[in-house]
Amino acid sequence: MYFIKFKKYLSIFLIPFVLATFILYLFYHAFLSQSGFVKNTELKNQLKSANNEYALVIMEKKQIQKHISLLGKNIDADMLQEKAKKILYYANPDEIVINRLDN
């Protein structure tokens, strides 16, 4: 008699508890695990920032290539003077020097 009641309570409480635990397990791993939704969002943000940085590097590379192409075999005197002054921190007495921190 008691076994039948126990079996009845077992089916009423234990089976839903096991199913709820299984659903919570799936929910946890779908959203919070190493390959879950939250981690995927973080990786997408990192990818966007890496792509932005890559675009900046490409722009800088094109600018450097432009300067190199201007040099070629014939060195432009003005460009050479500008580069030398920049490297040596040299200026004529009648010139104004503005130091830029980003270069």
C-alpha atoms as a PDB file:
ATOM      1  CA  MET A   1       0.000   0.000   0.000  1.00  0.00           C
ATOM      2  CA  TYR A   2       2.709   2.458   0.965  1.00  0.00           C
ATOM      3  CA  PHE A   3       4.733   1.452  -2.044  1.00  0.00           C
ATOM      4  CA  ILE A   4       1.873   2.382  -4.363  1.00  0.00           C
ATOM      5  CA  LYS A   5       1.538   5.808  -2.708  1.00  0.00           C
ATOM      6  CA  PHE A   6       5.294   6.284  -2.918  1.00  0.00           C
ATOM      7  CA  LYS A   7       5.221   5.375  -6.589  1.00  0.00           C
ATOM      8  CA  LYS A   8       2.392   7.852  -7.128  1.00  0.00           C
ATOM      9  CA  TYR A   9       4.307  10.662  -5.385  1.00  0.00           C
ATOM     10  CA  LEU A  10       7.418   9.671  -7.251  1.00  0.00           C
ATOM     11  CA  SER A  11       5.681  10.133 -10.579  1.00  0.00           C
ATOM     12  CA  ILE A  12       4.086  13.399  -9.447  1.00  0.00           C
ATOM     13  CA  PHE A  13       7.208  15.093  -8.052  1.00  0.00           C
ATOM     14  CA  LEU A  14      10.335  13.369  -9.266  1.00  0.00           C
ATOM     15  CA  ILE A  15       9.664  13.262 -13.000  1.00  0.00           C
ATOM     16  CA  PRO A  16       8.844  17.006 -13.267  1.00  0.00           C
ATOM     17  CA  PHE A  17      11.864  17.781 -11.078  1.00  0.00           C
ATOM     18  CA  VAL A  18      14.156  15.775 -13.353  1.00  0.00           C
ATOM     19  CA  LEU A  19      12.677  17.405 -16.457  1.00  0.00           C
ATOM     20  CA  ALA A  20      13.004  20.893 -14.949  1.00  0.00           C
ATOM     21  CA  THR A  21      16.612  20.166 -13.988  1.00  0.00           C
ATOM     22  CA  PHE A  22      17.348  18.967 -17.517  1.00  0.00           C
ATOM     23  CA  ILE A  23      15.767  22.097 -19.027  1.00  0.00           C
ATOM     24  CA  LEU A  24      17.805  24.322 -16.696  1.00  0.00           C
ATOM     25  CA  TYR A  25      20.932  22.418 -17.689  1.00  0.00           C
ATOM     26  CA  LEU A  26      20.222  23.026 -21.372  1.00  0.00           C
ATOM     27  CA  PHE A  27      19.401  26.694 -20.738  1.00  0.00           C
ATOM     28  CA  TYR A  28      22.639  27.215 -18.813  1.00  0.00           C
ATOM     29  CA  HIS A  29      24.771  25.683 -21.535  1.00  0.00           C
ATOM     30  CA  ALA A  30      22.926  27.478 -24.326  1.00  0.00           C
ATOM     31  CA  PHE A  31      23.518  30.915 -22.836  1.00  0.00           C
ATOM     32  CA  LEU A  32      26.362  30.901 -20.320  1.00  0.00           C
ATOM     33  CA  SER A  33      28.828  28.207 -21.359  1.00  0.00           C
ATOM     34  CA  GLN A  34      32.067  28.565 -23.360  1.00  0.00           C
ATOM     35  CA  SER A  35      30.194  28.408 -26.663  1.00  0.00           C
ATOM     36  CA  GLY A  36      26.950  29.979 -25.497  1.00  0.00           C
ATOM     37  CA  PHE A  37      25.088  33.081 -26.564  1.00  0.00           C
ATOM     38  CA  VAL A  38      26.910  35.469 -24.202  1.00  0.00           C
ATOM     39  CA  LYS A  39      30.349  34.287 -25.300  1.00  0.00           C
ATOM     40  CA  ASN A  40      29.283  34.510 -28.937  1.00  0.00           C
ATOM     41  CA  THR A  41      28.257  38.151 -28.430  1.00  0.00           C
ATOM     42  CA  GLU A  42      31.604  38.945 -26.805  1.00  0.00           C
ATOM     43  CA  LEU A  43      33.464  37.334 -29.694  1.00  0.00           C
ATOM     44  CA  LYS A  44      31.448  39.335 -32.228  1.00  0.00           C
ATOM     45  CA  ASN A  45      32.383  42.558 -30.422  1.00  0.00           C
ATOM     46  CA  GLN A  46      36.051  41.554 -30.421  1.00  0.00           C
ATOM     47  CA  LEU A  47      35.812  40.791 -34.133  1.00  0.00           C
ATOM     48  CA  LYS A  48      34.340  44.237 -34.841  1.00  0.00           C
ATOM     49  CA  SER A  49      37.129  45.981 -32.936  1.00  0.00           C
ATOM     50  CA  ALA A  50      39.753  43.846 -34.680  1.00  0.00           C
ATOM     51  CA  ASN A  51      38.250  44.722 -38.073  1.00  0.00           C
ATOM     52  CA  ASN A  52      38.322  48.431 -37.184  1.00  0.00           C
ATOM     53  CA  GLU A  53      41.952  48.167 -36.150  1.00  0.00           C
ATOM     54  CA  TYR A  54      42.709  46.280 -39.360  1.00  0.00           C
ATOM     55  CA  ALA A  55      41.120  49.062 -41.418  1.00  0.00           C
ATOM     56  CA  LEU A  56      43.305  51.634 -39.649  1.00  0.00           C
ATOM     57  CA  VAL A  57      46.418  49.582 -40.350  1.00  0.00           C
ATOM     58  CA  ILE A  58      45.463  49.272 -44.020  1.00  0.00           C
ATOM     59  CA  MET A  59      44.974  53.051 -44.261  1.00  0.00           C
ATOM     60  CA  GLU A  60      48.363  53.642 -42.650  1.00  0.00           C
ATOM     61  CA  LYS A  61      49.953  51.127 -45.018  1.00  0.00           C
ATOM     62  CA  LYS A  62      48.476  52.910 -48.044  1.00  0.00           C
ATOM     63  CA  GLN A  63      49.764  56.228 -46.744  1.00  0.00           C
ATOM     64  CA  ILE A  64      53.263  54.811 -46.317  1.00  0.00           C
ATOM     65  CA  GLN A  65      53.123  53.243 -49.779  1.00  0.00           C
ATOM     66  CA  LYS A  66      52.128  56.623 -51.184  1.00  0.00           C
ATOM     67  CA  HIS A  67      55.164  58.244 -49.558  1.00  0.00           C
ATOM     68  CA  ILE A  68      57.414  55.484 -50.853  1.00  0.00           C
ATOM     69  CA  SER A  69      56.038  55.836 -54.371  1.00  0.00           C
ATOM     70  CA  LEU A  70      56.721  59.573 -54.236  1.00  0.00           C
ATOM     71  CA  LEU A  71      60.318  58.874 -53.336  1.00  0.00           C
ATOM     72  CA  GLY A  72      60.957  56.435 -56.175  1.00  0.00           C
ATOM     73  CA  LYS A  73      64.328  56.954 -57.849  1.00  0.00           C
ATOM     74  CA  ASN A  74      64.023  60.723 -57.948  1.00  0.00           C
ATOM     75  CA  ILE A  75      63.912  62.100 -54.447  1.00  0.00           C
ATOM     76  CA  ASP A  76      61.831  65.231 -54.144  1.00  0.00           C
ATOM     77  CA  ALA A  77      63.942  67.904 -52.436  1.00  0.00           C
ATOM     78  CA  ASP A  78      61.046  69.297 -50.409  1.00  0.00           C
ATOM     79  CA  MET A  79      60.042  65.876 -49.151  1.00  0.00           C
ATOM     80  CA  LEU A  80      63.633  65.032 -48.262  1.00  0.00           C
ATOM     81  CA  GLN A  81      64.006  68.307 -46.384  1.00  0.00           C
ATOM     82  CA  GLU A  82      60.733  67.722 -44.537  1.00  0.00           C
ATOM     83  CA  LYS A  83      61.738  64.201 -43.479  1.00  0.00           C
ATOM     84  CA  ALA A  84      65.217  65.307 -42.411  1.00  0.00           C
ATOM     85  CA  LYS A  85      63.831  68.148 -40.314  1.00  0.00           C
ATOM     86  CA  LYS A  86      61.338  65.808 -38.715  1.00  0.00           C
ATOM     87  CA  ILE A  87      63.967  63.207 -37.859  1.00  0.00           C
ATOM     88  CA  LEU A  88      66.663  65.660 -36.720  1.00  0.00           C
ATOM     89  CA  TYR A  89      64.321  68.153 -35.045  1.00  0.00           C
ATOM     90  CA  TYR A  90      65.835  70.909 -37.155  1.00  0.00           C
ATOM     91  CA  ALA A  91      64.222  74.190 -38.174  1.00  0.00           C
ATOM     92  CA  ASN A  92      65.374  77.489 -39.593  1.00  0.00           C
ATOM     93  CA  PRO A  93      65.220  80.497 -37.263  1.00  0.00           C
ATOM     94  CA  ASP A  94      62.275  81.982 -39.172  1.00  0.00           C
ATOM     95  CA  GLU A  95      60.201  78.762 -39.057  1.00  0.00           C
ATOM     96  CA  ILE A  96      57.633  77.765 -36.483  1.00  0.00           C
ATOM     97  CA  VAL A  97      57.778  74.160 -35.266  1.00  0.00           C
ATOM     98  CA  ILE A  98      54.611  72.397 -34.113  1.00  0.00           C
ATOM     99  CA  ASN A  99      55.237  69.039 -32.449  1.00  0.00           C
ATOM    100  CA  ARG A 100      52.460  66.525 -32.965  1.00  0.00           C
ATOM    101  CA  LEU A 101      52.184  63.744 -30.432  1.00  0.00           C
ATOM    102  CA  ASP A 102      50.432  61.264 -32.744  1.00  0.00           C
ATOM    103  CA  ASN A 103      53.465  60.754 -35.015  1.00  0.00           C
END
